[in-house]
Structures are given as C-alpha cells and as structure tokens.
Amino acid sequence: MAIRRLRRHARNNGFRPVPNPRIRGQVPAPKELPRTMQILVTTSKTFTVELLESSTMRDLKEKIEDVEGTPAEHQFLVCLSRNKLLQAADGDQLTKLADMGVHNGSTLQMVVYTGPRE
C-alpha cells in the first residue's frame, strides 16, 4: 500500500522515473579493445615484441628494427613452430601475421642478411 501511495504522489508532483536501459535491454554493447599478441624473437639475444593481431609483416619488421636496430630489408624471419620462412618475396610485407600462421606466443628466429661477400 505504501509503495502505491509513493508512486501516486510522485506522479502527481511531476516526477518522472528515469528509464533504466539495463532493464529494457538497451545497454550499448561494450567497445572491443584491440587485441594484442606477444611474439618471441630470437637472434643472438631473445626479446619480445607486442603487436596488434591485425598487424602485417611490415609492422613486425619495423618493431624489430626499433628494438634491435637491424634494418627491415636485412631481416629474414623463420617461424620455429612451423619451420617456415615467413618472407619469400617483397609482396609478403602487407600480409597479416595471422594469415602466415604467426599467433600469440609464436617464436620467430631472425636471420640477418647483409649482402654477398666479396
């Protein structure tokens, strides 16, 4: 009874309850955060590179260049879990890492190519 009187009093005095979107199913979907992955890269030393899952081979090589200092054009990467060379031609630079079989926790071996010896 008391609840009905309170509601009637609120309605008569111009009080309008604020609709709760959670009750009505109008909750906006939470924005998804960009997913990241960590890749272990081994050369003479071992280090971890953190990238987005949508990253390309070019992004990976630029990140390695920032950390290691080796120019991207001198890097050859081999995925140790698949024994697969990840760069066969220059056209592979825009290929996504996920399409090449590189995922979170993958280990890559970097081989540095400096050019032919004279």
PDB file of N, CA and C in Angstrom:
ATOM      1  N   MET A   1       0.799  -1.190   0.000  1.00  0.00           N
ATOM      2  CA  MET A   1       0.000   0.000   0.000  1.00  0.00           C
ATOM      3  C   MET A   1       0.852   1.268   0.000  1.00  0.00           C
ATOM      4  N   ALA A   2       1.899   1.260   0.812  1.00  0.00           N
ATOM      5  CA  ALA A   2       2.735   2.458   0.914  1.00  0.00           C
ATOM      6  C   ALA A   2       3.441   2.751  -0.402  1.00  0.00           C
ATOM      7  N   ILE A   3       3.815   1.720  -1.100  1.00  0.00           N
ATOM      8  CA  ILE A   3       4.514   1.910  -2.379  1.00  0.00           C
ATOM      9  C   ILE A   3       3.566   2.557  -3.388  1.00  0.00           C
ATOM     10  N   ARG A   4       2.313   2.114  -3.403  1.00  0.00           N
ATOM     11  CA  ARG A   4       1.343   2.701  -4.334  1.00  0.00           C
ATOM     12  C   ARG A   4       1.134   4.187  -4.037  1.00  0.00           C
ATOM     13  N   ARG A   5       1.048   4.533  -2.762  1.00  0.00           N
ATOM     14  CA  ARG A   5       0.871   5.939  -2.404  1.00  0.00           C
ATOM     15  C   ARG A   5       2.069   6.771  -2.836  1.00  0.00           C
ATOM     16  N   LEU A   6       3.296   6.221  -2.648  1.00  0.00           N
ATOM     17  CA  LEU A   6       4.500   6.944  -3.064  1.00  0.00           C
ATOM     18  C   LEU A   6       4.522   7.148  -4.582  1.00  0.00           C
ATOM     19  N   ARG A   7       4.164   6.135  -5.317  1.00  0.00           N
ATOM     20  CA  ARG A   7       4.138   6.252  -6.778  1.00  0.00           C
ATOM     21  C   ARG A   7       3.106   7.295  -7.218  1.00  0.00           C
ATOM     22  N   ARG A   8       1.897   7.241  -6.616  1.00  0.00           N
ATOM     23  CA  ARG A   8       0.852   8.182  -6.968  1.00  0.00           C
ATOM     24  C   ARG A   8       1.280   9.603  -6.623  1.00  0.00           C
ATOM     25  N   HIS A   9       1.903   9.775  -5.464  1.00  0.00           N
ATOM     26  CA  HIS A   9       2.383  11.094  -5.051  1.00  0.00           C
ATOM     27  C   HIS A   9       3.453  11.618  -6.032  1.00  0.00           C
ATOM     28  N   ALA A  10       4.371  10.723  -6.425  1.00  0.00           N
ATOM     29  CA  ALA A  10       5.428  11.126  -7.355  1.00  0.00           C
ATOM     30  C   ALA A  10       4.837  11.516  -8.701  1.00  0.00           C
ATOM     31  N   ARG A  11       3.856  10.756  -9.187  1.00  0.00           N
ATOM     32  CA  ARG A  11       3.226  11.060 -10.469  1.00  0.00           C
ATOM     33  C   ARG A  11       2.479  12.394 -10.414  1.00  0.00           C
ATOM     34  N   ASN A  12       1.800  12.643  -9.343  1.00  0.00           N
ATOM     35  CA  ASN A  12       1.024  13.880  -9.217  1.00  0.00           C
ATOM     36  C   ASN A  12       1.918  15.104  -9.086  1.00  0.00           C
ATOM     37  N   ASN A  13       3.115  14.947  -8.595  1.00  0.00           N
ATOM     38  CA  ASN A  13       4.024  16.085  -8.404  1.00  0.00           C
ATOM     39  C   ASN A  13       5.020  16.254  -9.558  1.00  0.00           C
ATOM     40  N   GLY A  14       4.777  15.597 -10.666  1.00  0.00           N
ATOM     41  CA  GLY A  14       5.600  15.795 -11.852  1.00  0.00           C
ATOM     42  C   GLY A  14       6.888  14.984 -11.889  1.00  0.00           C
ATOM     43  N   PHE A  15       7.031  14.022 -11.000  1.00  0.00           N
ATOM     44  CA  PHE A  15       8.242  13.198 -11.005  1.00  0.00           C
ATOM     45  C   PHE A  15       8.117  12.128 -12.075  1.00  0.00           C
ATOM     46  N   ARG A  16       9.089  12.063 -12.911  1.00  0.00           N
ATOM     47  CA  ARG A  16       9.122  11.013 -13.932  1.00  0.00           C
ATOM     48  C   ARG A  16      10.339  10.131 -13.670  1.00  0.00           C
ATOM     49  N   PRO A  17      10.142   8.861 -13.493  1.00  0.00           N
ATOM     50  CA  PRO A  17      11.295   7.981 -13.260  1.00  0.00           C
ATOM     51  C   PRO A  17      12.168   7.902 -14.513  1.00  0.00           C
ATOM     52  N   VAL A  18      13.444   7.868 -14.305  1.00  0.00           N
ATOM     53  CA  VAL A  18      14.393   7.741 -15.411  1.00  0.00           C
ATOM     54  C   VAL A  18      14.422   6.288 -15.847  1.00  0.00           C
ATOM     55  N   PRO A  19      14.199   6.038 -17.137  1.00  0.00           N
ATOM     56  CA  PRO A  19      14.210   4.641 -17.569  1.00  0.00           C
ATOM     57  C   PRO A  19      15.608   4.042 -17.418  1.00  0.00           C
ATOM     58  N   ASN A  20      15.650   2.847 -16.937  1.00  0.00           N
ATOM     59  CA  ASN A  20      16.908   2.133 -16.771  1.00  0.00           C
ATOM     60  C   ASN A  20      17.158   1.318 -18.032  1.00  0.00           C
ATOM     61  N   PRO A  21      18.173   1.667 -18.818  1.00  0.00           N
ATOM     62  CA  PRO A  21      18.386   0.946 -20.083  1.00  0.00           C
ATOM     63  C   PRO A  21      18.758  -0.517 -19.868  1.00  0.00           C
ATOM     64  N   ARG A  22      19.293  -0.856 -18.722  1.00  0.00           N
ATOM     65  CA  ARG A  22      19.665  -2.257 -18.483  1.00  0.00           C
ATOM     66  C   ARG A  22      18.428  -3.129 -18.348  1.00  0.00           C
ATOM     67  N   ILE A  23      17.372  -2.563 -17.799  1.00  0.00           N
ATOM     68  CA  ILE A  23      16.149  -3.327 -17.631  1.00  0.00           C
ATOM     69  C   ILE A  23      15.469  -3.541 -18.980  1.00  0.00           C
ATOM     70  N   ARG A  24      15.529  -2.561 -19.826  1.00  0.00           N
ATOM     71  CA  ARG A  24      14.820  -2.634 -21.097  1.00  0.00           C
ATOM     72  C   ARG A  24      15.654  -3.263 -22.212  1.00  0.00           C
ATOM     73  N   GLY A  25      16.864  -3.692 -21.912  1.00  0.00           N
ATOM     74  CA  GLY A  25      17.682  -4.325 -22.932  1.00  0.00           C
ATOM     75  C   GLY A  25      18.328  -3.352 -23.890  1.00  0.00           C
ATOM     76  N   GLN A  26      18.455  -2.095 -23.484  1.00  0.00           N
ATOM     77  CA  GLN A  26      19.010  -1.076 -24.361  1.00  0.00           C
ATOM     78  C   GLN A  26      20.455  -0.746 -24.009  1.00  0.00           C
ATOM     79  N   VAL A  27      21.133  -1.650 -23.370  1.00  0.00           N
ATOM     80  CA  VAL A  27      22.516  -1.404 -22.977  1.00  0.00           C
ATOM     81  C   VAL A  27      23.378  -1.445 -24.229  1.00  0.00           C
ATOM     82  N   PRO A  28      24.136  -0.396 -24.479  1.00  0.00           N
ATOM     83  CA  PRO A  28      25.018  -0.446 -25.657  1.00  0.00           C
ATOM     84  C   PRO A  28      26.103  -1.497 -25.452  1.00  0.00           C
ATOM     85  N   ALA A  29      26.437  -2.148 -26.530  1.00  0.00           N
ATOM     86  CA  ALA A  29      27.479  -3.165 -26.465  1.00  0.00           C
ATOM     87  C   ALA A  29      28.813  -2.508 -26.118  1.00  0.00           C
ATOM     88  N   PRO A  30      29.586  -3.106 -25.224  1.00  0.00           N
ATOM     89  CA  PRO A  30      30.878  -2.512 -24.891  1.00  0.00           C
ATOM     90  C   PRO A  30      31.811  -2.565 -26.092  1.00  0.00           C
ATOM     91  N   LYS A  31      32.601  -1.520 -26.237  1.00  0.00           N
ATOM     92  CA  LYS A  31      33.556  -1.496 -27.346  1.00  0.00           C
ATOM     93  C   LYS A  31      34.645  -2.520 -27.096  1.00  0.00           C
ATOM     94  N   GLU A  32      34.979  -3.228 -28.146  1.00  0.00           N
ATOM     95  CA  GLU A  32      36.050  -4.209 -28.014  1.00  0.00           C
ATOM     96  C   GLU A  32      37.386  -3.509 -28.085  1.00  0.00           C
ATOM     97  N   LEU A  33      38.244  -3.850 -27.167  1.00  0.00           N
ATOM     98  CA  LEU A  33      39.600  -3.313 -27.192  1.00  0.00           C
ATOM     99  C   LEU A  33      40.398  -4.048 -28.249  1.00  0.00           C
ATOM    100  N   PRO A  34      41.345  -3.378 -28.878  1.00  0.00           N
ATOM    101  CA  PRO A  34      42.168  -4.068 -29.856  1.00  0.00           C
ATOM    102  C   PRO A  34      42.950  -5.188 -29.180  1.00  0.00           C
ATOM    103  N   ARG A  35      42.940  -6.346 -29.796  1.00  0.00           N
ATOM    104  CA  ARG A  35      43.611  -7.490 -29.221  1.00  0.00           C
ATOM    105  C   ARG A  35      45.084  -7.471 -29.614  1.00  0.00           C
ATOM    106  N   THR A  36      45.921  -7.746 -28.651  1.00  0.00           N
ATOM    107  CA  THR A  36      47.356  -7.743 -28.900  1.00  0.00           C
ATOM    108  C   THR A  36      47.908  -9.155 -28.789  1.00  0.00           C
ATOM    109  N   MET A  37      49.083  -9.324 -29.324  1.00  0.00           N
ATOM    110  CA  MET A  37      49.778 -10.604 -29.199  1.00  0.00           C
ATOM    111  C   MET A  37      51.251 -10.333 -28.950  1.00  0.00           C
ATOM    112  N   GLN A  38      51.873 -11.251 -28.244  1.00  0.00           N
ATOM    113  CA  GLN A  38      53.296 -11.149 -27.964  1.00  0.00           C
ATOM    114  C   GLN A  38      54.019 -12.225 -28.762  1.00  0.00           C
ATOM    115  N   ILE A  39      55.061 -11.813 -29.452  1.00  0.00           N
ATOM    116  CA  ILE A  39      55.852 -12.707 -30.284  1.00  0.00           C
ATOM    117  C   ILE A  39      57.273 -12.704 -29.756  1.00  0.00           C
ATOM    118  N   LEU A  40      57.835 -13.875 -29.579  1.00  0.00           N
ATOM    119  CA  LEU A  40      59.204 -14.021 -29.098  1.00  0.00           C
ATOM    120  C   LEU A  40      60.129 -14.079 -30.311  1.00  0.00           C
ATOM    121  N   VAL A  41      61.109 -13.205 -30.359  1.00  0.00           N
ATOM    122  CA  VAL A  41      62.046 -13.148 -31.481  1.00  0.00           C
ATOM    123  C   VAL A  41      63.435 -13.489 -30.940  1.00  0.00           C
ATOM    124  N   THR A  42      64.100 -14.432 -31.602  1.00  0.00           N
ATOM    125  CA  THR A  42      65.448 -14.813 -31.181  1.00  0.00           C
ATOM    126  C   THR A  42      66.451 -14.465 -32.259  1.00  0.00           C
ATOM    127  N   THR A  43      67.547 -13.896 -31.837  1.00  0.00           N
ATOM    128  CA  THR A  43      68.721 -13.655 -32.686  1.00  0.00           C
ATOM    129  C   THR A  43      69.883 -14.114 -31.824  1.00  0.00           C
ATOM    130  N   SER A  44      70.890 -13.295 -31.665  1.00  0.00           N
ATOM    131  CA  SER A  44      71.928 -13.602 -30.696  1.00  0.00           C
ATOM    132  C   SER A  44      71.385 -13.399 -29.279  1.00  0.00           C
ATOM    133  N   LYS A  45      70.317 -12.623 -29.159  1.00  0.00           N
ATOM    134  CA  LYS A  45      69.609 -12.467 -27.891  1.00  0.00           C
ATOM    135  C   LYS A  45      68.124 -12.686 -28.158  1.00  0.00           C
ATOM    136  N   THR A  46      67.349 -12.807 -27.095  1.00  0.00           N
ATOM    137  CA  THR A  46      65.920 -13.056 -27.220  1.00  0.00           C
ATOM    138  C   THR A  46      65.156 -11.873 -26.652  1.00  0.00           C
ATOM    139  N   PHE A  47      64.121 -11.437 -27.372  1.00  0.00           N
ATOM    140  CA  PHE A  47      63.294 -10.338 -26.893  1.00  0.00           C
ATOM    141  C   PHE A  47      61.858 -10.563 -27.351  1.00  0.00           C
ATOM    142  N   THR A  48      60.943  -9.850 -26.715  1.00  0.00           N
ATOM    143  CA  THR A  48      59.514  -9.983 -27.010  1.00  0.00           C
ATOM    144  C   THR A  48      59.022  -8.725 -27.707  1.00  0.00           C
ATOM    145  N   VAL A  49      58.201  -8.923 -28.721  1.00  0.00           N
ATOM    146  CA  VAL A  49      57.594  -7.827 -29.465  1.00  0.00           C
ATOM    147  C   VAL A  49      56.088  -7.928 -29.272  1.00  0.00           C
ATOM    148  N   GLU A  50      55.451  -6.813 -28.950  1.00  0.00           N
ATOM    149  CA  GLU A  50      53.999  -6.802 -28.769  1.00  0.00           C
ATOM    150  C   GLU A  50      53.357  -6.044 -29.918  1.00  0.00           C
ATOM    151  N   LEU A  51      52.416  -6.713 -30.594  1.00  0.00           N
ATOM    152  CA  LEU A  51      51.749  -6.155 -31.766  1.00  0.00           C
ATOM    153  C   LEU A  51      50.255  -6.410 -31.684  1.00  0.00           C
ATOM    154  N   LEU A  52      49.494  -5.709 -32.514  1.00  0.00           N
ATOM    155  CA  LEU A  52      48.072  -5.994 -32.649  1.00  0.00           C
ATOM    156  C   LEU A  52      47.895  -7.262 -33.472  1.00  0.00           C
ATOM    157  N   GLU A  53      46.776  -7.962 -33.257  1.00  0.00           N
ATOM    158  CA  GLU A  53      46.531  -9.184 -34.028  1.00  0.00           C
ATOM    159  C   GLU A  53      46.368  -8.900 -35.513  1.00  0.00           C
ATOM    160  N   SER A  54      45.993  -7.685 -35.864  1.00  0.00           N
ATOM    161  CA  SER A  54      45.794  -7.331 -37.270  1.00  0.00           C
ATOM    162  C   SER A  54      47.074  -6.807 -37.923  1.00  0.00           C
ATOM    163  N   SER A  55      48.210  -6.945 -37.264  1.00  0.00           N
ATOM    164  CA  SER A  55      49.473  -6.413 -37.783  1.00  0.00           C
ATOM    165  C   SER A  55      49.955  -7.200 -38.991  1.00  0.00           C
ATOM    166  N   THR A  56      50.753  -6.516 -39.803  1.00  0.00           N
ATOM    167  CA  THR A  56      51.318  -7.131 -41.000  1.00  0.00           C
ATOM    168  C   THR A  56      52.798  -7.429 -40.774  1.00  0.00           C
ATOM    169  N   MET A  57      53.394  -8.086 -41.760  1.00  0.00           N
ATOM    170  CA  MET A  57      54.816  -8.400 -41.691  1.00  0.00           C
ATOM    171  C   MET A  57      55.641  -7.116 -41.612  1.00  0.00           C
ATOM    172  N   ARG A  58      55.212  -6.085 -42.316  1.00  0.00           N
ATOM    173  CA  ARG A  58      55.935  -4.807 -42.284  1.00  0.00           C
ATOM    174  C   ARG A  58      55.933  -4.224 -40.866  1.00  0.00           C
ATOM    175  N   ASP A  59      54.782  -4.303 -40.185  1.00  0.00           N
ATOM    176  CA  ASP A  59      54.689  -3.803 -38.811  1.00  0.00           C
ATOM    177  C   ASP A  59      55.654  -4.549 -37.894  1.00  0.00           C
ATOM    178  N   LEU A  60      55.719  -5.859 -38.056  1.00  0.00           N
ATOM    179  CA  LEU A  60      56.616  -6.675 -37.240  1.00  0.00           C
ATOM    180  C   LEU A  60      58.070  -6.297 -37.487  1.00  0.00           C
ATOM    181  N   LYS A  61      58.447  -6.160 -38.739  1.00  0.00           N
ATOM    182  CA  LYS A  61      59.838  -5.824 -39.053  1.00  0.00           C
ATOM    183  C   LYS A  61      60.214  -4.424 -38.567  1.00  0.00           C
ATOM    184  N   GLU A  62      59.280  -3.483 -38.657  1.00  0.00           N
ATOM    185  CA  GLU A  62      59.560  -2.136 -38.143  1.00  0.00           C
ATOM    186  C   GLU A  62      59.729  -2.157 -36.627  1.00  0.00           C
ATOM    187  N   LYS A  63      58.925  -2.965 -35.949  1.00  0.00           N
ATOM    188  CA  LYS A  63      59.028  -3.068 -34.492  1.00  0.00           C
ATOM    189  C   LYS A  63      60.364  -3.710 -34.106  1.00  0.00           C
ATOM    190  N   ILE A  64      60.776  -4.733 -34.853  1.00  0.00           N
ATOM    191  CA  ILE A  64      62.068  -5.371 -34.594  1.00  0.00           C
ATOM    192  C   ILE A  64      63.198  -4.383 -34.858  1.00  0.00           C
ATOM    193  N   GLU A  65      63.061  -3.582 -35.905  1.00  0.00           N
ATOM    194  CA  GLU A  65      64.080  -2.577 -36.210  1.00  0.00           C
ATOM    195  C   GLU A  65      64.193  -1.558 -35.074  1.00  0.00           C
ATOM    196  N   ASP A  66      63.054  -1.183 -34.485  1.00  0.00           N
ATOM    197  CA  ASP A  66      63.080  -0.246 -33.356  1.00  0.00           C
ATOM    198  C   ASP A  66      63.791  -0.847 -32.149  1.00  0.00           C
ATOM    199  N   VAL A  67      63.561  -2.134 -31.897  1.00  0.00           N
ATOM    200  CA  VAL A  67      64.132  -2.785 -30.712  1.00  0.00           C
ATOM    201  C   VAL A  67      65.581  -3.189 -30.944  1.00  0.00           C
ATOM    202  N   GLU A  68      65.835  -3.862 -32.059  1.00  0.00           N
ATOM    203  CA  GLU A  68      67.139  -4.481 -32.318  1.00  0.00           C
ATOM    204  C   GLU A  68      68.089  -3.564 -33.079  1.00  0.00           C
ATOM    205  N   GLY A  69      67.544  -2.720 -33.976  1.00  0.00           N
ATOM    206  CA  GLY A  69      68.387  -1.842 -34.775  1.00  0.00           C
ATOM    207  C   GLY A  69      68.737  -2.407 -36.140  1.00  0.00           C
ATOM    208  N   THR A  70      68.319  -3.629 -36.434  1.00  0.00           N
ATOM    209  CA  THR A  70      68.585  -4.241 -37.738  1.00  0.00           C
ATOM    210  C   THR A  70      67.579  -3.718 -38.754  1.00  0.00           C
ATOM    211  N   PRO A  71      68.032  -3.173 -39.893  1.00  0.00           N
ATOM    212  CA  PRO A  71      67.097  -2.654 -40.893  1.00  0.00           C
ATOM    213  C   PRO A  71      66.135  -3.737 -41.377  1.00  0.00           C
ATOM    214  N   ALA A  72      64.914  -3.337 -41.673  1.00  0.00           N
ATOM    215  CA  ALA A  72      63.872  -4.290 -42.070  1.00  0.00           C
ATOM    216  C   ALA A  72      64.246  -5.069 -43.328  1.00  0.00           C
ATOM    217  N   GLU A  73      64.954  -4.433 -44.248  1.00  0.00           N
ATOM    218  CA  GLU A  73      65.299  -5.135 -45.501  1.00  0.00           C
ATOM    219  C   GLU A  73      66.370  -6.209 -45.303  1.00  0.00           C
ATOM    220  N   HIS A  74      67.021  -6.229 -44.133  1.00  0.00           N
ATOM    221  CA  HIS A  74      68.046  -7.237 -43.850  1.00  0.00           C
ATOM    222  C   HIS A  74      67.525  -8.353 -42.952  1.00  0.00           C
ATOM    223  N   GLN A  75      66.240  -8.326 -42.631  1.00  0.00           N
ATOM    224  CA  GLN A  75      65.673  -9.326 -41.729  1.00  0.00           C
ATOM    225  C   GLN A  75      65.001 -10.444 -42.511  1.00  0.00           C
ATOM    226  N   PHE A  76      65.343 -11.673 -42.168  1.00  0.00           N
ATOM    227  CA  PHE A  76      64.638 -12.847 -42.653  1.00  0.00           C
ATOM    228  C   PHE A  76      64.127 -13.575 -41.429  1.00  0.00           C
ATOM    229  N   LEU A  77      62.830 -13.871 -41.413  1.00  0.00           N
ATOM    230  CA  LEU A  77      62.211 -14.461 -40.238  1.00  0.00           C
ATOM    231  C   LEU A  77      61.739 -15.873 -40.529  1.00  0.00           C
ATOM    232  N   VAL A  78      62.023 -16.773 -39.601  1.00  0.00           N
ATOM    233  CA  VAL A  78      61.601 -18.159 -39.711  1.00  0.00           C
ATOM    234  C   VAL A  78      60.735 -18.466 -38.500  1.00  0.00           C
ATOM    235  N   CYS A  79      59.541 -19.017 -38.748  1.00  0.00           N
ATOM    236  CA  CYS A  79      58.651 -19.415 -37.657  1.00  0.00           C
ATOM    237  C   CYS A  79      59.114 -20.779 -37.169  1.00  0.00           C
ATOM    238  N   LEU A  80      59.611 -20.859 -35.931  1.00  0.00           N
ATOM    239  CA  LEU A  80      60.196 -22.094 -35.423  1.00  0.00           C
ATOM    240  C   LEU A  80      59.171 -23.193 -35.205  1.00  0.00           C
ATOM    241  N   SER A  81      57.931 -22.840 -34.904  1.00  0.00           N
ATOM    242  CA  SER A  81      56.925 -23.871 -34.676  1.00  0.00           C
ATOM    243  C   SER A  81      56.513 -24.559 -35.976  1.00  0.00           C
ATOM    244  N   ARG A  82      56.724 -23.903 -37.089  1.00  0.00           N
ATOM    245  CA  ARG A  82      56.337 -24.474 -38.386  1.00  0.00           C
ATOM    246  C   ARG A  82      57.532 -24.733 -39.301  1.00  0.00           C
ATOM    247  N   ASN A  83      58.718 -24.301 -38.894  1.00  0.00           N
ATOM    248  CA  ASN A  83      59.910 -24.383 -39.736  1.00  0.00           C
ATOM    249  C   ASN A  83      59.626 -23.793 -41.116  1.00  0.00           C
ATOM    250  N   LYS A  84      59.067 -22.625 -41.114  1.00  0.00           N
ATOM    251  CA  LYS A  84      58.635 -21.988 -42.349  1.00  0.00           C
ATOM    252  C   LYS A  84      59.273 -20.615 -42.461  1.00  0.00           C
ATOM    253  N   LEU A  85      59.836 -20.315 -43.626  1.00  0.00           N
ATOM    254  CA  LEU A  85      60.372 -18.986 -43.905  1.00  0.00           C
ATOM    255  C   LEU A  85      59.198 -18.048 -44.118  1.00  0.00           C
ATOM    256  N   LEU A  86      59.146 -16.962 -43.363  1.00  0.00           N
ATOM    257  CA  LEU A  86      57.993 -16.069 -43.422  1.00  0.00           C
ATOM    258  C   LEU A  86      58.093 -15.014 -44.505  1.00  0.00           C
ATOM    259  N   GLN A  87      59.247 -14.877 -45.125  1.00  0.00           N
ATOM    260  CA  GLN A  87      59.369 -13.898 -46.197  1.00  0.00           C
ATOM    261  C   GLN A  87      59.974 -14.589 -47.403  1.00  0.00           C
ATOM    262  N   ALA A  88      59.208 -14.651 -48.462  1.00  0.00           N
ATOM    263  CA  ALA A  88      59.712 -15.238 -49.689  1.00  0.00           C
ATOM    264  C   ALA A  88      59.927 -14.175 -50.751  1.00  0.00           C
ATOM    265  N   ALA A  89      59.146 -13.109 -50.684  1.00  0.00           N
ATOM    266  CA  ALA A  89      59.258 -12.041 -51.677  1.00  0.00           C
ATOM    267  C   ALA A  89      58.833 -10.733 -51.029  1.00  0.00           C
ATOM    268  N   ASP A  90      59.073  -9.630 -51.713  1.00  0.00           N
ATOM    269  CA  ASP A  90      58.716  -8.328 -51.175  1.00  0.00           C
ATOM    270  C   ASP A  90      57.200  -8.151 -51.061  1.00  0.00           C
ATOM    271  N   GLY A  91      56.438  -8.915 -51.824  1.00  0.00           N
ATOM    272  CA  GLY A  91      54.987  -8.799 -51.777  1.00  0.00           C
ATOM    273  C   GLY A  91      54.394  -9.273 -50.467  1.00  0.00           C
ATOM    274  N   ASP A  92      55.155 -10.012 -49.664  1.00  0.00           N
ATOM    275  CA  ASP A  92      54.644 -10.533 -48.401  1.00  0.00           C
ATOM    276  C   ASP A  92      54.596  -9.488 -47.299  1.00  0.00           C
ATOM    277  N   GLN A  93      55.076  -8.292 -47.540  1.00  0.00           N
ATOM    278  CA  GLN A  93      55.169  -7.285 -46.487  1.00  0.00           C
ATOM    279  C   GLN A  93      53.801  -6.839 -45.963  1.00  0.00           C
ATOM    280  N   LEU A  94      52.762  -6.924 -46.793  1.00  0.00           N
ATOM    281  CA  LEU A  94      51.436  -6.466 -46.377  1.00  0.00           C
ATOM    282  C   LEU A  94      50.537  -7.616 -45.932  1.00  0.00           C
ATOM    283  N   THR A  95      51.065  -8.825 -45.905  1.00  0.00           N
ATOM    284  CA  THR A  95      50.302  -9.972 -45.461  1.00  0.00           C
ATOM    285  C   THR A  95      50.175  -9.951 -43.942  1.00  0.00           C
ATOM    286  N   LYS A  96      48.980 -10.230 -43.447  1.00  0.00           N
ATOM    287  CA  LYS A  96      48.775 -10.245 -41.999  1.00  0.00           C
ATOM    288  C   LYS A  96      49.507 -11.436 -41.391  1.00  0.00           C
ATOM    289  N   LEU A  97      50.002 -11.225 -40.180  1.00  0.00           N
ATOM    290  CA  LEU A  97      50.753 -12.271 -39.496  1.00  0.00           C
ATOM    291  C   LEU A  97      49.883 -13.490 -39.218  1.00  0.00           C
ATOM    292  N   ALA A  98      48.616 -13.276 -38.888  1.00  0.00           N
ATOM    293  CA  ALA A  98      47.719 -14.396 -38.605  1.00  0.00           C
ATOM    294  C   ALA A  98      47.547 -15.278 -39.842  1.00  0.00           C
ATOM    295  N   ASP A  99      47.546 -14.670 -41.028  1.00  0.00           N
ATOM    296  CA  ASP A  99      47.420 -15.436 -42.267  1.00  0.00           C
ATOM    297  C   ASP A  99      48.671 -16.261 -42.558  1.00  0.00           C
ATOM    298  N   MET A 100      49.800 -15.857 -41.981  1.00  0.00           N
ATOM    299  CA  MET A 100      51.055 -16.576 -42.179  1.00  0.00           C
ATOM    300  C   MET A 100      51.286 -17.620 -41.086  1.00  0.00           C
ATOM    301  N   GLY A 101      50.357 -17.748 -40.152  1.00  0.00           N
ATOM    302  CA  GLY A 101      50.492 -18.747 -39.107  1.00  0.00           C
ATOM    303  C   GLY A 101      51.203 -18.258 -37.855  1.00  0.00           C
ATOM    304  N   VAL A 102      51.376 -16.945 -37.717  1.00  0.00           N
ATOM    305  CA  VAL A 102      52.018 -16.379 -36.532  1.00  0.00           C
ATOM    306  C   VAL A 102      50.914 -15.908 -35.597  1.00  0.00           C
ATOM    307  N   HIS A 103      50.898 -16.439 -34.381  1.00  0.00           N
ATOM    308  CA  HIS A 103      49.871 -16.107 -33.407  1.00  0.00           C
ATOM    309  C   HIS A 103      50.522 -15.717 -32.096  1.00  0.00           C
ATOM    310  N   ASN A 104      49.706 -15.411 -31.112  1.00  0.00           N
ATOM    311  CA  ASN A 104      50.201 -15.036 -29.793  1.00  0.00           C
ATOM    312  C   ASN A 104      51.066 -16.161 -29.229  1.00  0.00           C
ATOM    313  N   GLY A 105      52.270 -15.825 -28.811  1.00  0.00           N
ATOM    314  CA  GLY A 105      53.182 -16.801 -28.234  1.00  0.00           C
ATOM    315  C   GLY A 105      54.084 -17.493 -29.240  1.00  0.00           C
ATOM    316  N   SER A 106      53.985 -17.139 -30.510  1.00  0.00           N
ATOM    317  CA  SER A 106      54.854 -17.757 -31.523  1.00  0.00           C
ATOM    318  C   SER A 106      56.302 -17.334 -31.300  1.00  0.00           C
ATOM    319  N   THR A 107      57.216 -18.214 -31.694  1.00  0.00           N
ATOM    320  CA  THR A 107      58.643 -17.914 -31.612  1.00  0.00           C
ATOM    321  C   THR A 107      59.195 -17.806 -33.027  1.00  0.00           C
ATOM    322  N   LEU A 108      59.885 -16.705 -33.299  1.00  0.00           N
ATOM    323  CA  LEU A 108      60.474 -16.475 -34.613  1.00  0.00           C
ATOM    324  C   LEU A 108      61.988 -16.385 -34.472  1.00  0.00           C
ATOM    325  N   GLN A 109      62.692 -16.971 -35.404  1.00  0.00           N
ATOM    326  CA  GLN A 109      64.147 -16.861 -35.478  1.00  0.00           C
ATOM    327  C   GLN A 109      64.462 -15.831 -36.548  1.00  0.00           C
ATOM    328  N   MET A 110      65.241 -14.816 -36.194  1.00  0.00           N
ATOM    329  CA  MET A 110      65.610 -13.798 -37.170  1.00  0.00           C
ATOM    330  C   MET A 110      67.018 -14.069 -37.668  1.00  0.00           C
ATOM    331  N   VAL A 111      67.153 -14.137 -38.963  1.00  0.00           N
ATOM    332  CA  VAL A 111      68.456 -14.297 -39.613  1.00  0.00           C
ATOM    333  C   VAL A 111      68.750 -12.982 -40.297  1.00  0.00           C
ATOM    334  N   VAL A 112      69.941 -12.451 -40.066  1.00  0.00           N
ATOM    335  CA  VAL A 112      70.327 -11.161 -40.640  1.00  0.00           C
ATOM    336  C   VAL A 112      71.103 -11.407 -41.921  1.00  0.00           C
ATOM    337  N   TYR A 113      70.635 -10.774 -43.000  1.00  0.00           N
ATOM    338  CA  TYR A 113      71.302 -10.867 -44.291  1.00  0.00           C
ATOM    339  C   TYR A 113      71.922  -9.505 -44.589  1.00  0.00           C
ATOM    340  N   THR A 114      73.214  -9.451 -44.779  1.00  0.00           N
ATOM    341  CA  THR A 114      73.874  -8.178 -45.027  1.00  0.00           C
ATOM    342  C   THR A 114      74.312  -8.014 -46.478  1.00  0.00           C
ATOM    343  N   GLY A 115      74.215  -9.039 -47.278  1.00  0.00           N
ATOM    344  CA  GLY A 115      74.596  -8.933 -48.681  1.00  0.00           C
ATOM    345  C   GLY A 115      75.682  -9.926 -49.031  1.00  0.00           C
ATOM    346  N   PRO A 116      76.020 -10.060 -50.309  1.00  0.00           N
ATOM    347  CA  PRO A 116      77.058 -11.026 -50.720  1.00  0.00           C
ATOM    348  C   PRO A 116      78.437 -10.591 -50.244  1.00  0.00           C
ATOM    349  N   ARG A 117      79.242 -11.587 -49.916  1.00  0.00           N
ATOM    350  CA  ARG A 117      80.620 -11.295 -49.511  1.00  0.00           C
ATOM    351  C   ARG A 117      81.494 -11.137 -50.736  1.00  0.00           C
ATOM    352  N   GLU A 118      82.477 -10.285 -50.618  1.00  0.00           N
ATOM    353  CA  GLU A 118      83.379 -10.052 -51.762  1.00  0.00           C
ATOM    354  C   GLU A 118      84.741 -10.606 -51.459  1.00  0.00           C
TER     355      GLU A 118
END
